[in-house]
Protein backbone atom coordinates (compact mmCIF):
# COMPACT_ATOMS: atom_id res chain seq x y z
CA MET A 1 16.13 98.78 -4.34
CA GLN A 2 13.46 96.30 -5.39
CA ILE A 3 13.85 93.02 -7.24
CA GLY A 4 11.48 90.93 -9.30
CA ALA A 5 10.78 88.50 -6.46
CA GLU A 6 9.39 91.38 -4.37
CA THR A 7 7.14 92.69 -7.18
CA ASP A 8 5.94 89.43 -8.79
CA GLY A 9 8.45 89.99 -11.60
CA GLU A 10 6.90 93.33 -12.61
CA LEU A 11 9.61 95.77 -11.46
CA LEU A 12 13.36 96.00 -10.94
CA SER A 13 14.63 99.13 -9.18
CA ILE A 14 18.39 99.74 -8.93
CA GLU A 15 20.67 102.58 -7.85
CA CYS A 16 23.19 103.50 -10.57
CA PHE A 17 26.33 105.64 -10.91
CA ASN A 18 28.47 106.89 -13.83
CA LEU A 19 31.84 108.42 -13.11
CA PRO A 20 33.03 111.46 -15.10
CA PRO A 21 34.32 112.36 -17.61
CA GLY A 22 32.04 111.82 -20.60
CA TRP A 23 32.22 108.05 -21.11
CA MET A 24 29.41 106.82 -23.41
CA SER A 25 28.01 103.28 -23.41
CA LEU A 26 27.62 101.18 -26.51
CA SER A 27 24.14 101.16 -28.00
CA THR A 28 21.91 98.56 -26.39
CA SER A 29 18.22 97.70 -26.05
CA ILE A 30 16.28 95.92 -23.33
CA PRO A 31 13.53 93.54 -24.45
CA ARG A 32 10.12 93.63 -22.77
CA GLN A 33 11.08 96.31 -20.20
CA ASP A 34 10.56 100.06 -20.11
CA SER A 35 13.33 101.89 -18.28
CA ARG A 36 12.45 104.95 -16.19
CA ALA A 37 15.28 106.85 -14.52
CA GLN A 38 15.13 109.58 -11.88
CA MET A 39 18.32 111.64 -11.59
CA ILE A 40 19.51 112.16 -8.01
CA SER A 41 22.64 114.20 -8.80
CA GLY A 42 25.00 114.96 -11.67
CA ALA A 43 24.00 114.81 -15.35
CA ARG A 44 23.65 112.19 -18.07
CA ARG A 45 23.61 112.40 -21.84
CA LEU A 46 21.28 109.94 -23.61
CA ARG A 47 20.99 108.98 -27.24
CA VAL A 48 17.54 107.54 -28.00
CA ARG A 49 16.12 107.23 -31.54
CA GLY A 50 19.19 109.11 -32.76
CA GLU A 51 18.34 112.17 -30.66
CA ILE A 52 20.59 113.41 -27.87
CA GLN A 53 19.08 114.54 -24.59
CA GLU A 54 20.74 115.75 -21.40
CA VAL A 55 19.09 115.18 -18.02
CA GLY A 56 20.24 116.56 -14.68
CA SER A 57 19.51 116.40 -10.99
CA GLY A 58 15.78 116.17 -10.24
CA GLU A 59 14.85 115.31 -13.85
CA SER A 60 13.62 111.99 -15.18
CA HIS A 61 13.45 110.20 -18.52
CA THR A 62 11.92 107.05 -19.99
CA ILE A 63 13.40 104.67 -22.55
CA PRO A 64 10.76 102.41 -24.13
CA ALA A 65 11.31 98.64 -24.29
CA GLU A 66 13.47 97.43 -27.19
CA GLU A 67 14.50 101.01 -28.10
CA PRO A 68 18.22 101.19 -28.98
CA HIS A 69 19.95 103.71 -26.71
CA SER A 70 23.27 104.72 -25.22
CA PHE A 71 24.16 106.92 -22.26
CA GLY A 72 27.04 108.52 -20.41
CA ASN A 73 28.06 111.13 -17.89
CA CYS A 74 28.09 114.66 -19.34
CA GLY A 75 29.03 116.54 -16.18
CA ASP A 76 32.04 117.16 -13.98
CA GLU A 77 30.74 115.06 -11.08
CA GLU A 78 29.48 111.54 -10.61
CA ALA A 79 26.03 110.92 -12.14
CA HIS A 80 23.67 109.19 -9.69
CA TRP A 81 20.17 107.92 -10.55
CA ILE A 82 17.52 105.35 -9.69
CA ASP A 83 16.60 103.11 -12.62
CA ARG A 84 13.23 101.35 -12.59
CA LYS A 85 12.62 98.67 -15.20
CA SER A 86 9.05 97.46 -15.62
CA VAL A 87 7.62 94.68 -17.76
CA VAL A 88 5.51 95.78 -20.73
């Protein structure tokens, strides 16, 4: 994990988990930060720009700053990923 103080405010890196089954977040957007996630295990379903994408273990995805999105667990096991938010 890294925090802004360690990267001069340029990066936040956090470890995240979603428990099954299929819960989906409300749509949200994050100003001034791109979000890049690397899946460790499990699977997530994302809705970005109205399109649905599923990502699984070993895959990654990027959500651009200020882009409305939602996400949830689409598998039978806990979804585990590292989320890196960087200033744009």
